[in-house]
C-alpha atoms as a PDB file:
ATOM      1  CA  UNK A   1       0.423   0.241   0.039  1.00  0.00           C
ATOM      2  CA  UNK A   2       1.372   3.334  -0.672  1.00  0.00           C
ATOM      3  CA  UNK A   3       1.977   5.981   1.873  1.00  0.00           C
ATOM      4  CA  UNK A   4       0.534   8.784  -0.190  1.00  0.00           C
ATOM      5  CA  UNK A   5      -2.771   9.441  -0.400  1.00  0.00           C
ATOM      6  CA  UNK A   6      -4.209   9.809  -4.028  1.00  0.00           C
ATOM      7  CA  UNK A   7      -6.093  13.118  -4.566  1.00  0.00           C
ATOM      8  CA  UNK A   8      -8.610  14.018  -7.382  1.00  0.00           C
ATOM      9  CA  UNK A   9      -6.731  16.939  -9.307  1.00  0.00           C
ATOM     10  CA  UNK A  10      -9.726  19.515  -7.778  1.00  0.00           C
ATOM     11  CA  UNK A  11      -8.855  18.148  -4.388  1.00  0.00           C
ATOM     12  CA  UNK A  12      -5.016  18.698  -4.905  1.00  0.00           C
ATOM     13  CA  UNK A  13      -5.416  21.897  -6.152  1.00  0.00           C
ATOM     14  CA  UNK A  14      -7.664  23.058  -3.369  1.00  0.00           C
ATOM     15  CA  UNK A  15      -5.480  21.489  -0.511  1.00  0.00           C
ATOM     16  CA  UNK A  16      -2.360  23.422  -2.557  1.00  0.00           C
ATOM     17  CA  UNK A  17      -4.294  26.746  -2.341  1.00  0.00           C
ATOM     18  CA  UNK A  18      -5.758  26.202   1.247  1.00  0.00           C
ATOM     19  CA  UNK A  19      -1.864  25.048   2.183  1.00  0.00           C
ATOM     20  CA  UNK A  20      -0.415  28.356   0.745  1.00  0.00           C
ATOM     21  CA  UNK A  21      -2.810  30.653   2.423  1.00  0.00           C
ATOM     22  CA  UNK A  22      -3.237  28.853   5.931  1.00  0.00           C
ATOM     23  CA  UNK A  23      -0.586  31.029   7.649  1.00  0.00           C
ATOM     24  CA  UNK A  24      -2.431  34.140   6.747  1.00  0.00           C
ATOM     25  CA  UNK A  25      -5.501  32.636   9.366  1.00  0.00           C
ATOM     26  CA  UNK A  26      -3.546  31.430  12.117  1.00  0.00           C
ATOM     27  CA  UNK A  27      -3.646  34.499  14.385  1.00  0.00           C
ATOM     28  CA  UNK A  28      -7.160  35.188  13.256  1.00  0.00           C
ATOM     29  CA  UNK A  29      -8.118  31.263  14.130  1.00  0.00           C
ATOM     30  CA  UNK A  30      -6.488  31.620  17.802  1.00  0.00           C
ATOM     31  CA  UNK A  31      -8.432  34.887  18.226  1.00  0.00           C
ATOM     32  CA  UNK A  32     -11.398  33.267  17.312  1.00  0.00           C
ATOM     33  CA  UNK A  33     -11.080  30.221  19.621  1.00  0.00           C
ATOM     34  CA  UNK A  34      -9.628  32.090  22.454  1.00  0.00           C
ATOM     35  CA  UNK A  35     -12.815  34.854  22.495  1.00  0.00           C
ATOM     36  CA  UNK A  36     -15.657  33.824  24.867  1.00  0.00           C
ATOM     37  CA  UNK A  37     -17.952  34.191  21.560  1.00  0.00           C
ATOM     38  CA  UNK A  38     -16.108  32.355  18.816  1.00  0.00           C
ATOM     39  CA  UNK A  39     -16.805  33.259  15.063  1.00  0.00           C
ATOM     40  CA  UNK A  40     -16.757  30.921  12.099  1.00  0.00           C
ATOM     41  CA  UNK A  41     -14.646  31.654   8.471  1.00  0.00           C
ATOM     42  CA  UNK A  42     -13.515  34.307   6.945  1.00  0.00           C
ATOM     43  CA  UNK A  43     -16.667  36.248   7.064  1.00  0.00           C
ATOM     44  CA  UNK A  44     -16.349  35.988  11.097  1.00  0.00           C
ATOM     45  CA  UNK A  45     -19.764  34.704  11.553  1.00  0.00           C
ATOM     46  CA  UNK A  46     -20.778  34.789  15.208  1.00  0.00           C
ATOM     47  CA  UNK A  47     -21.260  31.160  16.873  1.00  0.00           C
ATOM     48  CA  UNK A  48     -24.081  32.961  18.635  1.00  0.00           C
ATOM     49  CA  UNK A  49     -26.133  33.313  15.341  1.00  0.00           C
ATOM     50  CA  UNK A  50     -25.041  30.137  13.811  1.00  0.00           C
ATOM     51  CA  UNK A  51     -25.455  27.423  16.575  1.00  0.00           C
ATOM     52  CA  UNK A  52     -23.132  25.266  15.166  1.00  0.00           C
ATOM     53  CA  UNK A  53     -21.423  24.047  18.621  1.00  0.00           C
ATOM     54  CA  UNK A  54     -22.908  21.575  20.910  1.00  0.00           C
ATOM     55  CA  UNK A  55     -23.145  21.949  24.294  1.00  0.00           C
ATOM     56  CA  UNK A  56     -19.511  20.771  25.365  1.00  0.00           C
ATOM     57  CA  UNK A  57     -19.334  21.619  28.977  1.00  0.00           C
ATOM     58  CA  UNK A  58     -17.449  18.456  29.707  1.00  0.00           C
ATOM     59  CA  UNK A  59     -15.573  17.690  26.548  1.00  0.00           C
ATOM     60  CA  UNK A  60     -13.272  20.123  24.326  1.00  0.00           C
ATOM     61  CA  UNK A  61     -13.214  18.041  21.316  1.00  0.00           C
ATOM     62  CA  UNK A  62     -15.978  16.695  18.977  1.00  0.00           C
ATOM     63  CA  UNK A  63     -14.414  13.670  17.522  1.00  0.00           C
ATOM     64  CA  UNK A  64     -15.997  10.274  17.603  1.00  0.00           C
ATOM     65  CA  UNK A  65     -13.711   7.757  18.804  1.00  0.00           C
ATOM     66  CA  UNK A  66     -12.587   5.124  16.119  1.00  0.00           C
ATOM     67  CA  UNK A  67     -14.478   2.095  17.927  1.00  0.00           C
ATOM     68  CA  UNK A  68     -17.770   4.105  17.818  1.00  0.00           C
ATOM     69  CA  UNK A  69     -16.972   5.285  14.226  1.00  0.00           C
ATOM     70  CA  UNK A  70     -16.276   1.361  13.431  1.00  0.00           C
ATOM     71  CA  UNK A  71     -19.504   0.385  15.128  1.00  0.00           C
ATOM     72  CA  UNK A  72     -21.617   3.521  13.593  1.00  0.00           C
ATOM     73  CA  UNK A  73     -20.372   2.405  10.277  1.00  0.00           C
ATOM     74  CA  UNK A  74     -21.077  -1.201  10.673  1.00  0.00           C
ATOM     75  CA  UNK A  75     -24.370  -0.281  11.836  1.00  0.00           C
ATOM     76  CA  UNK A  76     -25.249   1.975   8.929  1.00  0.00           C
ATOM     77  CA  UNK A  77     -24.299  -0.885   6.046  1.00  0.00           C
ATOM     78  CA  UNK A  78     -20.605  -0.092   5.427  1.00  0.00           C
ATOM     79  CA  UNK A  79     -17.835  -2.250   5.585  1.00  0.00           C
ATOM     80  CA  UNK A  80     -14.471  -0.520   6.708  1.00  0.00           C
ATOM     81  CA  UNK A  81     -11.821  -1.310   4.004  1.00  0.00           C
ATOM     82  CA  UNK A  82      -8.943   0.835   5.498  1.00  0.00           C
ATOM     83  CA  UNK A  83      -8.159   3.480   8.121  1.00  0.00           C
ATOM     84  CA  UNK A  84      -5.460   5.974   7.054  1.00  0.00           C
ATOM     85  CA  UNK A  85      -3.879   8.152  10.108  1.00  0.00           C
ATOM     86  CA  UNK A  86      -2.193  10.888   8.199  1.00  0.00           C
ATOM     87  CA  UNK A  87       0.828  12.582   9.478  1.00  0.00           C
ATOM     88  CA  UNK A  88       2.623  15.449   8.198  1.00  0.00           C
ATOM     89  CA  UNK A  89       5.075  15.183   5.199  1.00  0.00           C
ATOM     90  CA  UNK A  90       8.816  16.076   5.927  1.00  0.00           C
ATOM     91  CA  UNK A  91       9.562  19.628   6.136  1.00  0.00           C
ATOM     92  CA  UNK A  92      10.305  22.491   8.598  1.00  0.00           C
ATOM     93  CA  UNK A  93       9.354  21.497  11.765  1.00  0.00           C
ATOM     94  CA  UNK A  94       8.143  25.105  12.772  1.00  0.00           C
ATOM     95  CA  UNK A  95       5.806  25.537   9.792  1.00  0.00           C
ATOM     96  CA  UNK A  96       2.189  26.050  10.990  1.00  0.00           C
ATOM     97  CA  UNK A  97      -0.763  24.849   8.832  1.00  0.00           C
ATOM     98  CA  UNK A  98      -4.450  24.437   9.886  1.00  0.00           C
ATOM     99  CA  UNK A  99      -3.218  25.731  13.654  1.00  0.00           C
ATOM    100  CA  UNK A 100      -0.634  22.913  14.199  1.00  0.00           C
ATOM    101  CA  UNK A 101       2.949  22.736  13.756  1.00  0.00           C
ATOM    102  CA  UNK A 102       4.191  20.193  11.202  1.00  0.00           C
ATOM    103  CA  UNK A 103       6.426  18.876  14.090  1.00  0.00           C
ATOM    104  CA  UNK A 104       3.341  17.992  15.959  1.00  0.00           C
ATOM    105  CA  UNK A 105       1.773  16.724  12.910  1.00  0.00           C
ATOM    106  CA  UNK A 106       4.497  14.467  12.339  1.00  0.00           C
ATOM    107  CA  UNK A 107       4.408  12.707  15.849  1.00  0.00           C
ATOM    108  CA  UNK A 108       0.752  12.369  15.813  1.00  0.00           C
ATOM    109  CA  UNK A 109      -1.811  12.127  13.212  1.00  0.00           C
ATOM    110  CA  UNK A 110      -3.203  15.192  12.047  1.00  0.00           C
ATOM    111  CA  UNK A 111      -6.157  13.749  10.031  1.00  0.00           C
ATOM    112  CA  UNK A 112      -8.174  10.379   9.477  1.00  0.00           C
ATOM    113  CA  UNK A 113      -9.129   9.186   6.099  1.00  0.00           C
ATOM    114  CA  UNK A 114     -11.740   6.252   6.247  1.00  0.00           C
ATOM    115  CA  UNK A 115     -12.291   3.916   3.501  1.00  0.00           C
ATOM    116  CA  UNK A 116     -15.474   2.292   3.401  1.00  0.00           C
ATOM    117  CA  UNK A 117     -17.950   0.723   1.013  1.00  0.00           C
ATOM    118  CA  UNK A 118     -21.666  -0.268   1.398  1.00  0.00           C
ATOM    119  CA  UNK A 119     -21.792  -3.725   2.425  1.00  0.00           C
ATOM    120  CA  UNK A 120     -23.395  -5.921  -0.597  1.00  0.00           C
ATOM    121  CA  UNK A 121     -27.294  -6.954   0.253  1.00  0.00           C
ATOM    122  CA  UNK A 122     -27.841 -10.355   1.497  1.00  0.00           C
ATOM    123  CA  UNK A 123     -29.705 -12.626  -0.814  1.00  0.00           C
END
């Protein structure tokens, strides 16, 4: 299995564009999440108006644990074929993309890619 994820041309172009522009958003992102009233996106839409975040008084993260994701996919008719835990490629350790340094994202998976297909119906 290849260690590189194959991307469509559109996905590769989008990723390149966002990666190039990401440093311009780091400070705004940090300010948004440090604010008692966070906002979203380049237009700084207030969370109070959008209501995107659930009540998270006990948890700072919204990720479904892998075991629960496996159960959810299985219960909804999917077969998991692979799980790729992506780490940052080689490069300057201090480089920041998506609010994390490359050094951090080399040590821990920065993103998961689940490969699943719909289970064939039983006959």
